[in-house]
Amino acid sequence: MTGDEMERTMQFILEQQAQFMANIQRLQEANARGDERREFDAERHAREAERLARVERAFVQLTELAVSAHERMGEHDARLANVEEAIVMLTRLVGGKDGK
């Protein structure tokens, strides 16, 4: 191998090594961006999980309130039926005294 060929070979090796280092640098940068993205996604996932937990708790509370309201409505309906029955009985009694 002549000196000129040796120099071209060395130049080729150095260029390849420089290209390899540039590729490694790009890969490291891409990996760092991927790490940042994964961290961002993990934080977003945690926020969404907390938001979902709050919605679930609110849903449970609303369901409990609806059940309680339904029970109270049933109680009020029963009381109203008793009042209506008492009114009918009083009307009959009063009507009976008036001769109706």
PDB file of N, CA and C in Angstrom:
ATOM      1  N   MET A   1       0.867  -1.162   0.000  1.00  0.00           N
ATOM      2  CA  MET A   1       0.000   0.000   0.000  1.00  0.00           C
ATOM      3  C   MET A   1       0.914   1.224   0.000  1.00  0.00           C
ATOM      4  N   THR A   2       0.612   2.132  -0.904  1.00  0.00           N
ATOM      5  CA  THR A   2       1.426   3.338  -1.012  1.00  0.00           C
ATOM      6  C   THR A   2       1.018   4.320   0.081  1.00  0.00           C
ATOM      7  N   GLY A   3       1.812   5.348   0.277  1.00  0.00           N
ATOM      8  CA  GLY A   3       1.528   6.368   1.271  1.00  0.00           C
ATOM      9  C   GLY A   3       0.228   7.087   0.974  1.00  0.00           C
ATOM     10  N   ASP A   4      -0.048   7.304  -0.322  1.00  0.00           N
ATOM     11  CA  ASP A   4      -1.285   7.983  -0.731  1.00  0.00           C
ATOM     12  C   ASP A   4      -2.502   7.110  -0.414  1.00  0.00           C
ATOM     13  N   GLU A   5      -2.392   5.824  -0.697  1.00  0.00           N
ATOM     14  CA  GLU A   5      -3.488   4.900  -0.407  1.00  0.00           C
ATOM     15  C   GLU A   5      -3.713   4.797   1.116  1.00  0.00           C
ATOM     16  N   MET A   6      -2.611   4.773   1.846  1.00  0.00           N
ATOM     17  CA  MET A   6      -2.701   4.704   3.294  1.00  0.00           C
ATOM     18  C   MET A   6      -3.398   5.959   3.821  1.00  0.00           C
ATOM     19  N   GLU A   7      -3.052   7.104   3.268  1.00  0.00           N
ATOM     20  CA  GLU A   7      -3.673   8.357   3.712  1.00  0.00           C
ATOM     21  C   GLU A   7      -5.163   8.369   3.384  1.00  0.00           C
ATOM     22  N   ARG A   8      -5.557   7.905   2.203  1.00  0.00           N
ATOM     23  CA  ARG A   8      -6.984   7.840   1.835  1.00  0.00           C
ATOM     24  C   ARG A   8      -7.727   6.870   2.742  1.00  0.00           C
ATOM     25  N   THR A   9      -7.105   5.768   3.062  1.00  0.00           N
ATOM     26  CA  THR A   9      -7.723   4.788   3.958  1.00  0.00           C
ATOM     27  C   THR A   9      -7.920   5.396   5.344  1.00  0.00           C
ATOM     28  N   MET A  10      -6.908   6.084   5.836  1.00  0.00           N
ATOM     29  CA  MET A  10      -7.013   6.723   7.141  1.00  0.00           C
ATOM     30  C   MET A  10      -8.103   7.803   7.118  1.00  0.00           C
ATOM     31  N   GLN A  11      -8.145   8.555   6.025  1.00  0.00           N
ATOM     32  CA  GLN A  11      -9.166   9.594   5.892  1.00  0.00           C
ATOM     33  C   GLN A  11     -10.556   8.961   5.890  1.00  0.00           C
ATOM     34  N   PHE A  12     -10.710   7.859   5.163  1.00  0.00           N
ATOM     35  CA  PHE A  12     -11.993   7.144   5.124  1.00  0.00           C
ATOM     36  C   PHE A  12     -12.376   6.667   6.531  1.00  0.00           C
ATOM     37  N   ILE A  13     -11.425   6.108   7.265  1.00  0.00           N
ATOM     38  CA  ILE A  13     -11.687   5.617   8.621  1.00  0.00           C
ATOM     39  C   ILE A  13     -12.085   6.772   9.520  1.00  0.00           C
ATOM     40  N   LEU A  14     -11.393   7.879   9.431  1.00  0.00           N
ATOM     41  CA  LEU A  14     -11.732   9.038  10.259  1.00  0.00           C
ATOM     42  C   LEU A  14     -13.120   9.578   9.921  1.00  0.00           C
ATOM     43  N   GLU A  15     -13.464   9.628   8.622  1.00  0.00           N
ATOM     44  CA  GLU A  15     -14.802  10.093   8.217  1.00  0.00           C
ATOM     45  C   GLU A  15     -15.880   9.148   8.727  1.00  0.00           C
ATOM     46  N   GLN A  16     -15.618   7.872   8.644  1.00  0.00           N
ATOM     47  CA  GLN A  16     -16.582   6.885   9.131  1.00  0.00           C
ATOM     48  C   GLN A  16     -16.749   7.000  10.648  1.00  0.00           C
ATOM     49  N   GLN A  17     -15.638   7.212  11.339  1.00  0.00           N
ATOM     50  CA  GLN A  17     -15.704   7.368  12.787  1.00  0.00           C
ATOM     51  C   GLN A  17     -16.471   8.646  13.146  1.00  0.00           C
ATOM     52  N   ALA A  18     -16.256   9.725  12.407  1.00  0.00           N
ATOM     53  CA  ALA A  18     -16.983  10.976  12.649  1.00  0.00           C
ATOM     54  C   ALA A  18     -18.474  10.776  12.395  1.00  0.00           C
ATOM     55  N   GLN A  19     -18.801  10.066  11.317  1.00  0.00           N
ATOM     56  CA  GLN A  19     -20.212   9.786  11.013  1.00  0.00           C
ATOM     57  C   GLN A  19     -20.832   8.930  12.102  1.00  0.00           C
ATOM     58  N   PHE A  20     -20.081   7.939  12.553  1.00  0.00           N
ATOM     59  CA  PHE A  20     -20.555   7.072  13.618  1.00  0.00           C
ATOM     60  C   PHE A  20     -20.819   7.890  14.881  1.00  0.00           C
ATOM     61  N   MET A  21     -19.919   8.781  15.251  1.00  0.00           N
ATOM     62  CA  MET A  21     -20.086   9.618  16.442  1.00  0.00           C
ATOM     63  C   MET A  21     -21.292  10.551  16.282  1.00  0.00           C
ATOM     64  N   ALA A  22     -21.477  11.096  15.077  1.00  0.00           N
ATOM     65  CA  ALA A  22     -22.640  11.960  14.835  1.00  0.00           C
ATOM     66  C   ALA A  22     -23.925  11.157  14.980  1.00  0.00           C
ATOM     67  N   ASN A  23     -23.931   9.936  14.470  1.00  0.00           N
ATOM     68  CA  ASN A  23     -25.114   9.073  14.604  1.00  0.00           C
ATOM     69  C   ASN A  23     -25.385   8.749  16.080  1.00  0.00           C
ATOM     70  N   ILE A  24     -24.320   8.460  16.827  1.00  0.00           N
ATOM     71  CA  ILE A  24     -24.477   8.183  18.255  1.00  0.00           C
ATOM     72  C   ILE A  24     -25.060   9.408  18.954  1.00  0.00           C
ATOM     73  N   GLN A  25     -24.580  10.596  18.614  1.00  0.00           N
ATOM     74  CA  GLN A  25     -25.084  11.833  19.210  1.00  0.00           C
ATOM     75  C   GLN A  25     -26.573  12.001  18.921  1.00  0.00           C
ATOM     76  N   ARG A  26     -26.967  11.768  17.676  1.00  0.00           N
ATOM     77  CA  ARG A  26     -28.391  11.890  17.324  1.00  0.00           C
ATOM     78  C   ARG A  26     -29.241  10.868  18.092  1.00  0.00           C
ATOM     79  N   LEU A  27     -28.735   9.678  18.227  1.00  0.00           N
ATOM     80  CA  LEU A  27     -29.461   8.649  18.979  1.00  0.00           C
ATOM     81  C   LEU A  27     -29.595   9.037  20.449  1.00  0.00           C
ATOM     82  N   GLN A  28     -28.538   9.579  21.031  1.00  0.00           N
ATOM     83  CA  GLN A  28     -28.596  10.005  22.427  1.00  0.00           C
ATOM     84  C   GLN A  28     -29.608  11.137  22.601  1.00  0.00           C
ATOM     85  N   GLU A  29     -29.625  12.076  21.654  1.00  0.00           N
ATOM     86  CA  GLU A  29     -30.586  13.177  21.730  1.00  0.00           C
ATOM     87  C   GLU A  29     -32.021  12.659  21.590  1.00  0.00           C
ATOM     88  N   ALA A  30     -32.213  11.741  20.652  1.00  0.00           N
ATOM     89  CA  ALA A  30     -33.548  11.161  20.468  1.00  0.00           C
ATOM     90  C   ALA A  30     -33.973  10.398  21.725  1.00  0.00           C
ATOM     91  N   ASN A  31     -33.028   9.697  22.328  1.00  0.00           N
ATOM     92  CA  ASN A  31     -33.323   8.963  23.556  1.00  0.00           C
ATOM     93  C   ASN A  31     -33.693   9.923  24.683  1.00  0.00           C
ATOM     94  N   ALA A  32     -32.981  11.040  24.774  1.00  0.00           N
ATOM     95  CA  ALA A  32     -33.297  12.033  25.808  1.00  0.00           C
ATOM     96  C   ALA A  32     -34.692  12.606  25.584  1.00  0.00           C
ATOM     97  N   ARG A  33     -35.046  12.877  24.330  1.00  0.00           N
ATOM     98  CA  ARG A  33     -36.400  13.377  24.033  1.00  0.00           C
ATOM     99  C   ARG A  33     -37.438  12.321  24.387  1.00  0.00           C
ATOM    100  N   GLY A  34     -37.117  11.068  24.114  1.00  0.00           N
ATOM    101  CA  GLY A  34     -38.030   9.982  24.477  1.00  0.00           C
ATOM    102  C   GLY A  34     -38.225   9.897  25.980  1.00  0.00           C
ATOM    103  N   ASP A  35     -37.136  10.073  26.727  1.00  0.00           N
ATOM    104  CA  ASP A  35     -37.229  10.059  28.191  1.00  0.00           C
ATOM    105  C   ASP A  35     -38.119  11.202  28.676  1.00  0.00           C
ATOM    106  N   GLU A  36     -37.907  12.391  28.099  1.00  0.00           N
ATOM    107  CA  GLU A  36     -38.732  13.541  28.491  1.00  0.00           C
ATOM    108  C   GLU A  36     -40.198  13.281  28.167  1.00  0.00           C
ATOM    109  N   ARG A  37     -40.458  12.705  27.006  1.00  0.00           N
ATOM    110  CA  ARG A  37     -41.841  12.408  26.598  1.00  0.00           C
ATOM    111  C   ARG A  37     -42.473  11.388  27.539  1.00  0.00           C
ATOM    112  N   ARG A  38     -41.713  10.350  27.886  1.00  0.00           N
ATOM    113  CA  ARG A  38     -42.254   9.341  28.802  1.00  0.00           C
ATOM    114  C   ARG A  38     -42.554   9.953  30.168  1.00  0.00           C
ATOM    115  N   GLU A  39     -41.694  10.849  30.627  1.00  0.00           N
ATOM    116  CA  GLU A  39     -41.931  11.514  31.911  1.00  0.00           C
ATOM    117  C   GLU A  39     -43.188  12.380  31.829  1.00  0.00           C
ATOM    118  N   PHE A  40     -43.319  13.126  30.739  1.00  0.00           N
ATOM    119  CA  PHE A  40     -44.510  13.954  30.533  1.00  0.00           C
ATOM    120  C   PHE A  40     -45.762  13.089  30.499  1.00  0.00           C
ATOM    121  N   ASP A  41     -45.692  11.982  29.757  1.00  0.00           N
ATOM    122  CA  ASP A  41     -46.847  11.079  29.663  1.00  0.00           C
ATOM    123  C   ASP A  41     -47.195  10.473  31.018  1.00  0.00           C
ATOM    124  N   ALA A  42     -46.183  10.132  31.808  1.00  0.00           N
ATOM    125  CA  ALA A  42     -46.429   9.554  33.134  1.00  0.00           C
ATOM    126  C   ALA A  42     -47.116  10.578  34.032  1.00  0.00           C
ATOM    127  N   GLU A  43     -46.660  11.827  33.972  1.00  0.00           N
ATOM    128  CA  GLU A  43     -47.290  12.884  34.772  1.00  0.00           C
ATOM    129  C   GLU A  43     -48.725  13.110  34.319  1.00  0.00           C
ATOM    130  N   ARG A  44     -48.936  13.128  33.009  1.00  0.00           N
ATOM    131  CA  ARG A  44     -50.287  13.316  32.486  1.00  0.00           C
ATOM    132  C   ARG A  44     -51.185  12.147  32.906  1.00  0.00           C
ATOM    133  N   HIS A  45     -50.650  10.957  32.845  1.00  0.00           N
ATOM    134  CA  HIS A  45     -51.422   9.776  33.255  1.00  0.00           C
ATOM    135  C   HIS A  45     -51.806   9.881  34.732  1.00  0.00           C
ATOM    136  N   ALA A  46     -50.881  10.334  35.566  1.00  0.00           N
ATOM    137  CA  ALA A  46     -51.177  10.485  36.999  1.00  0.00           C
ATOM    138  C   ALA A  46     -52.277  11.520  37.207  1.00  0.00           C
ATOM    139  N   ARG A  47     -52.206  12.636  36.464  1.00  0.00           N
ATOM    140  CA  ARG A  47     -53.257  13.660  36.588  1.00  0.00           C
ATOM    141  C   ARG A  47     -54.607  13.108  36.125  1.00  0.00           C
ATOM    142  N   GLU A  48     -54.609  12.370  35.043  1.00  0.00           N
ATOM    143  CA  GLU A  48     -55.860  11.798  34.534  1.00  0.00           C
ATOM    144  C   GLU A  48     -56.415  10.754  35.495  1.00  0.00           C
ATOM    145  N   ALA A  49     -55.553   9.983  36.111  1.00  0.00           N
ATOM    146  CA  ALA A  49     -56.009   8.979  37.080  1.00  0.00           C
ATOM    147  C   ALA A  49     -56.644   9.662  38.293  1.00  0.00           C
ATOM    148  N   GLU A  50     -56.045  10.760  38.749  1.00  0.00           N
ATOM    149  CA  GLU A  50     -56.615  11.497  39.879  1.00  0.00           C
ATOM    150  C   GLU A  50     -57.948  12.118  39.493  1.00  0.00           C
ATOM    151  N   ARG A  51     -58.018  12.657  38.288  1.00  0.00           N
ATOM    152  CA  ARG A  51     -59.276  13.252  37.811  1.00  0.00           C
ATOM    153  C   ARG A  51     -60.364  12.180  37.728  1.00  0.00           C
ATOM    154  N   LEU A  52     -60.014  11.018  37.226  1.00  0.00           N
ATOM    155  CA  LEU A  52     -60.982   9.926  37.137  1.00  0.00           C
ATOM    156  C   LEU A  52     -61.431   9.488  38.533  1.00  0.00           C
ATOM    157  N   ALA A  53     -60.505   9.445  39.475  1.00  0.00           N
ATOM    158  CA  ALA A  53     -60.860   9.073  40.854  1.00  0.00           C
ATOM    159  C   ALA A  53     -61.842  10.083  41.442  1.00  0.00           C
ATOM    160  N   ARG A  54     -61.615  11.380  41.157  1.00  0.00           N
ATOM    161  CA  ARG A  54     -62.549  12.409  41.660  1.00  0.00           C
ATOM    162  C   ARG A  54     -63.928  12.235  41.021  1.00  0.00           C
ATOM    163  N   VAL A  55     -63.965  11.933  39.740  1.00  0.00           N
ATOM    164  CA  VAL A  55     -65.246  11.725  39.063  1.00  0.00           C
ATOM    165  C   VAL A  55     -65.958  10.514  39.659  1.00  0.00           C
ATOM    166  N   GLU A  56     -65.210   9.458  39.911  1.00  0.00           N
ATOM    167  CA  GLU A  56     -65.809   8.263  40.508  1.00  0.00           C
ATOM    168  C   GLU A  56     -66.379   8.563  41.894  1.00  0.00           C
ATOM    169  N   ARG A  57     -65.615   9.322  42.703  1.00  0.00           N
ATOM    170  CA  ARG A  57     -66.121   9.679  44.037  1.00  0.00           C
ATOM    171  C   ARG A  57     -67.381  10.534  43.922  1.00  0.00           C
ATOM    172  N   ALA A  58     -67.380  11.476  42.988  1.00  0.00           N
ATOM    173  CA  ALA A  58     -68.556  12.331  42.797  1.00  0.00           C
ATOM    174  C   ALA A  58     -69.748  11.491  42.351  1.00  0.00           C
ATOM    175  N   PHE A  59     -69.508  10.517  41.471  1.00  0.00           N
ATOM    176  CA  PHE A  59     -70.589   9.657  41.006  1.00  0.00           C
ATOM    177  C   PHE A  59     -71.179   8.857  42.159  1.00  0.00           C
ATOM    178  N   VAL A  60     -70.314   8.334  43.015  1.00  0.00           N
ATOM    179  CA  VAL A  60     -70.794   7.572  44.177  1.00  0.00           C
ATOM    180  C   VAL A  60     -71.632   8.471  45.081  1.00  0.00           C
ATOM    181  N   GLN A  61     -71.148   9.687  45.330  1.00  0.00           N
ATOM    182  CA  GLN A  61     -71.899  10.619  46.177  1.00  0.00           C
ATOM    183  C   GLN A  61     -73.248  10.962  45.556  1.00  0.00           C
ATOM    184  N   LEU A  62     -73.266  11.221  44.255  1.00  0.00           N
ATOM    185  CA  LEU A  62     -74.534  11.546  43.596  1.00  0.00           C
ATOM    186  C   LEU A  62     -75.497  10.366  43.634  1.00  0.00           C
ATOM    187  N   THR A  63     -74.967   9.172  43.468  1.00  0.00           N
ATOM    188  CA  THR A  63     -75.816   7.980  43.534  1.00  0.00           C
ATOM    189  C   THR A  63     -76.404   7.830  44.935  1.00  0.00           C
ATOM    190  N   GLU A  64     -75.584   8.042  45.959  1.00  0.00           N
ATOM    191  CA  GLU A  64     -76.081   7.957  47.335  1.00  0.00           C
ATOM    192  C   GLU A  64     -77.138   9.021  47.598  1.00  0.00           C
ATOM    193  N   LEU A  65     -76.919  10.228  47.089  1.00  0.00           N
ATOM    194  CA  LEU A  65     -77.917  11.296  47.252  1.00  0.00           C
ATOM    195  C   LEU A  65     -79.220  10.950  46.532  1.00  0.00           C
ATOM    196  N   ALA A  66     -79.110  10.371  45.351  1.00  0.00           N
ATOM    197  CA  ALA A  66     -80.312   9.997  44.603  1.00  0.00           C
ATOM    198  C   ALA A  66     -81.094   8.922  45.349  1.00  0.00           C
ATOM    199  N   VAL A  67     -80.395   7.949  45.903  1.00  0.00           N
ATOM    200  CA  VAL A  67     -81.065   6.889  46.673  1.00  0.00           C
ATOM    201  C   VAL A  67     -81.748   7.498  47.892  1.00  0.00           C
ATOM    202  N   SER A  68     -81.042   8.378  48.585  1.00  0.00           N
ATOM    203  CA  SER A  68     -81.615   9.024  49.774  1.00  0.00           C
ATOM    204  C   SER A  68     -82.842   9.847  49.394  1.00  0.00           C
ATOM    205  N   ALA A  69     -82.745  10.602  48.310  1.00  0.00           N
ATOM    206  CA  ALA A  69     -83.885  11.415  47.862  1.00  0.00           C
ATOM    207  C   ALA A  69     -85.063  10.518  47.498  1.00  0.00           C
ATOM    208  N   HIS A  70     -84.794   9.403  46.846  1.00  0.00           N
ATOM    209  CA  HIS A  70     -85.865   8.471  46.477  1.00  0.00           C
ATOM    210  C   HIS A  70     -86.546   7.908  47.731  1.00  0.00           C
ATOM    211  N   GLU A  71     -85.740   7.566  48.731  1.00  0.00           N
ATOM    212  CA  GLU A  71     -86.313   7.041  49.982  1.00  0.00           C
ATOM    213  C   GLU A  71     -87.180   8.103  50.665  1.00  0.00           C
ATOM    214  N   ARG A  72     -86.665   9.351  50.695  1.00  0.00           N
ATOM    215  CA  ARG A  72     -87.451  10.431  51.326  1.00  0.00           C
ATOM    216  C   ARG A  72     -88.729  10.688  50.542  1.00  0.00           C
ATOM    217  N   MET A  73     -88.656  10.602  49.217  1.00  0.00           N
ATOM    218  CA  MET A  73     -89.875  10.802  48.419  1.00  0.00           C
ATOM    219  C   MET A  73     -90.899   9.724  48.749  1.00  0.00           C
ATOM    220  N   GLY A  74     -90.420   8.490  48.941  1.00  0.00           N
ATOM    221  CA  GLY A  74     -91.328   7.418  49.328  1.00  0.00           C
ATOM    222  C   GLY A  74     -91.979   7.696  50.672  1.00  0.00           C
ATOM    223  N   GLU A  75     -91.180   8.202  51.605  1.00  0.00           N
ATOM    224  CA  GLU A  75     -91.725   8.545  52.926  1.00  0.00           C
ATOM    225  C   GLU A  75     -92.746   9.679  52.816  1.00  0.00           C
ATOM    226  N   HIS A  76     -92.438  10.685  52.010  1.00  0.00           N
ATOM    227  CA  HIS A  76     -93.361  11.807  51.834  1.00  0.00           C
ATOM    228  C   HIS A  76     -94.643  11.355  51.133  1.00  0.00           C
ATOM    229  N   ASP A  77     -94.489  10.455  50.165  1.00  0.00           N
ATOM    230  CA  ASP A  77     -95.677   9.923  49.488  1.00  0.00           C
ATOM    231  C   ASP A  77     -96.582   9.188  50.478  1.00  0.00           C
ATOM    232  N   ALA A  78     -95.957   8.427  51.385  1.00  0.00           N
ATOM    233  CA  ALA A  78     -96.743   7.696  52.387  1.00  0.00           C
ATOM    234  C   ALA A  78     -97.450   8.678  53.320  1.00  0.00           C
ATOM    235  N   ARG A  79     -96.746   9.721  53.741  1.00  0.00           N
ATOM    236  CA  ARG A  79     -97.375  10.728  54.611  1.00  0.00           C
ATOM    237  C   ARG A  79     -98.511  11.442  53.886  1.00  0.00           C
ATOM    238  N   LEU A  80     -98.285  11.775  52.640  1.00  0.00           N
ATOM    239  CA  LEU A  80     -99.309  12.448  51.848  1.00  0.00           C
ATOM    240  C   LEU A  80    -100.536  11.548  51.698  1.00  0.00           C
ATOM    241  N   ALA A  81    -100.313  10.270  51.484  1.00  0.00           N
ATOM    242  CA  ALA A  81    -101.433   9.332  51.382  1.00  0.00           C
ATOM    243  C   ALA A  81    -102.206   9.293  52.700  1.00  0.00           C
ATOM    244  N   ASN A  82    -101.504   9.331  53.826  1.00  0.00           N
ATOM    245  CA  ASN A  82    -102.170   9.355  55.132  1.00  0.00           C
ATOM    246  C   ASN A  82    -102.975  10.640  55.316  1.00  0.00           C
ATOM    247  N   VAL A  83    -102.395  11.767  54.890  1.00  0.00           N
ATOM    248  CA  VAL A  83    -103.115  13.042  54.998  1.00  0.00           C
ATOM    249  C   VAL A  83    -104.349  13.019  54.103  1.00  0.00           C
ATOM    250  N   GLU A  84    -104.199  12.521  52.891  1.00  0.00           N
ATOM    251  CA  GLU A  84    -105.351  12.435  51.979  1.00  0.00           C
ATOM    252  C   GLU A  84    -106.437  11.542  52.558  1.00  0.00           C
ATOM    253  N   GLU A  85    -106.027  10.428  53.153  1.00  0.00           N
ATOM    254  CA  GLU A  85    -106.996   9.513  53.765  1.00  0.00           C
ATOM    255  C   GLU A  85    -107.701  10.200  54.933  1.00  0.00           C
ATOM    256  N   ALA A  86    -106.943  10.964  55.726  1.00  0.00           N
ATOM    257  CA  ALA A  86    -107.547  11.680  56.856  1.00  0.00           C
ATOM    258  C   ALA A  86    -108.523  12.730  56.349  1.00  0.00           C
ATOM    259  N   ILE A  87    -108.188  13.417  55.269  1.00  0.00           N
ATOM    260  CA  ILE A  87    -109.090  14.430  54.697  1.00  0.00           C
ATOM    261  C   ILE A  87    -110.377  13.780  54.215  1.00  0.00           C
ATOM    262  N   VAL A  88    -110.247  12.632  53.557  1.00  0.00           N
ATOM    263  CA  VAL A  88    -111.443  11.919  53.075  1.00  0.00           C
ATOM    264  C   VAL A  88    -112.309  11.514  54.254  1.00  0.00           C
ATOM    265  N   MET A  89    -111.711  11.001  55.309  1.00  0.00           N
ATOM    266  CA  MET A  89    -112.484  10.573  56.483  1.00  0.00           C
ATOM    267  C   MET A  89    -113.164  11.772  57.151  1.00  0.00           C
ATOM    268  N   LEU A  90    -112.410  12.886  57.281  1.00  0.00           N
ATOM    269  CA  LEU A  90    -113.003  14.087  57.887  1.00  0.00           C
ATOM    270  C   LEU A  90    -114.118  14.635  57.017  1.00  0.00           C
ATOM    271  N   THR A  91    -113.938  14.579  55.723  1.00  0.00           N
ATOM    272  CA  THR A  91    -114.980  15.063  54.807  1.00  0.00           C
ATOM    273  C   THR A  91    -116.235  14.216  54.968  1.00  0.00           C
ATOM    274  N   ARG A  92    -116.071  12.923  55.115  1.00  0.00           N
ATOM    275  CA  ARG A  92    -117.231  12.033  55.301  1.00  0.00           C
ATOM    276  C   ARG A  92    -117.909  12.322  56.636  1.00  0.00           C
ATOM    277  N   LEU A  93    -117.056  12.518  57.648  1.00  0.00           N
ATOM    278  CA  LEU A  93    -117.635  12.799  58.972  1.00  0.00           C
ATOM    279  C   LEU A  93    -118.403  14.128  58.966  1.00  0.00           C
ATOM    280  N   VAL A  94    -117.776  15.135  58.396  1.00  0.00           N
ATOM    281  CA  VAL A  94    -118.421  16.438  58.346  1.00  0.00           C
ATOM    282  C   VAL A  94    -119.649  16.380  57.466  1.00  0.00           C
ATOM    283  N   GLY A  95    -119.527  15.696  56.357  1.00  0.00           N
ATOM    284  CA  GLY A  95    -120.667  15.551  55.445  1.00  0.00           C
ATOM    285  C   GLY A  95    -121.781  14.771  56.101  1.00  0.00           C
ATOM    286  N   GLY A  96    -121.420  13.804  56.916  1.00  0.00           N
ATOM    287  CA  GLY A  96    -122.423  13.026  57.627  1.00  0.00           C
ATOM    288  C   GLY A  96    -123.153  13.853  58.653  1.00  0.00           C
ATOM    289  N   LYS A  97    -122.500  14.794  59.320  1.00  0.00           N
ATOM    290  CA  LYS A  97    -123.126  15.640  60.314  1.00  0.00           C
ATOM    291  C   LYS A  97    -124.058  16.639  59.639  1.00  0.00           C
ATOM    292  N   ASP A  98    -123.708  17.040  58.441  1.00  0.00           N
ATOM    293  CA  ASP A  98    -124.540  18.010  57.702  1.00  0.00           C
ATOM    294  C   ASP A  98    -125.692  17.319  57.010  1.00  0.00           C
ATOM    295  N   GLY A  99    -125.679  16.031  57.063  1.00  0.00           N
ATOM    296  CA  GLY A  99    -126.780  15.304  56.442  1.00  0.00           C
ATOM    297  C   GLY A  99    -126.535  14.988  54.992  1.00  0.00           C
ATOM    298  N   LYS A 100    -125.338  15.141  54.550  1.00  0.00           N
ATOM    299  CA  LYS A 100    -125.038  14.857  53.136  1.00  0.00           C
ATOM    300  C   LYS A 100    -124.754  13.417  52.916  1.00  0.00           C
TER     301      LYS A 100
END
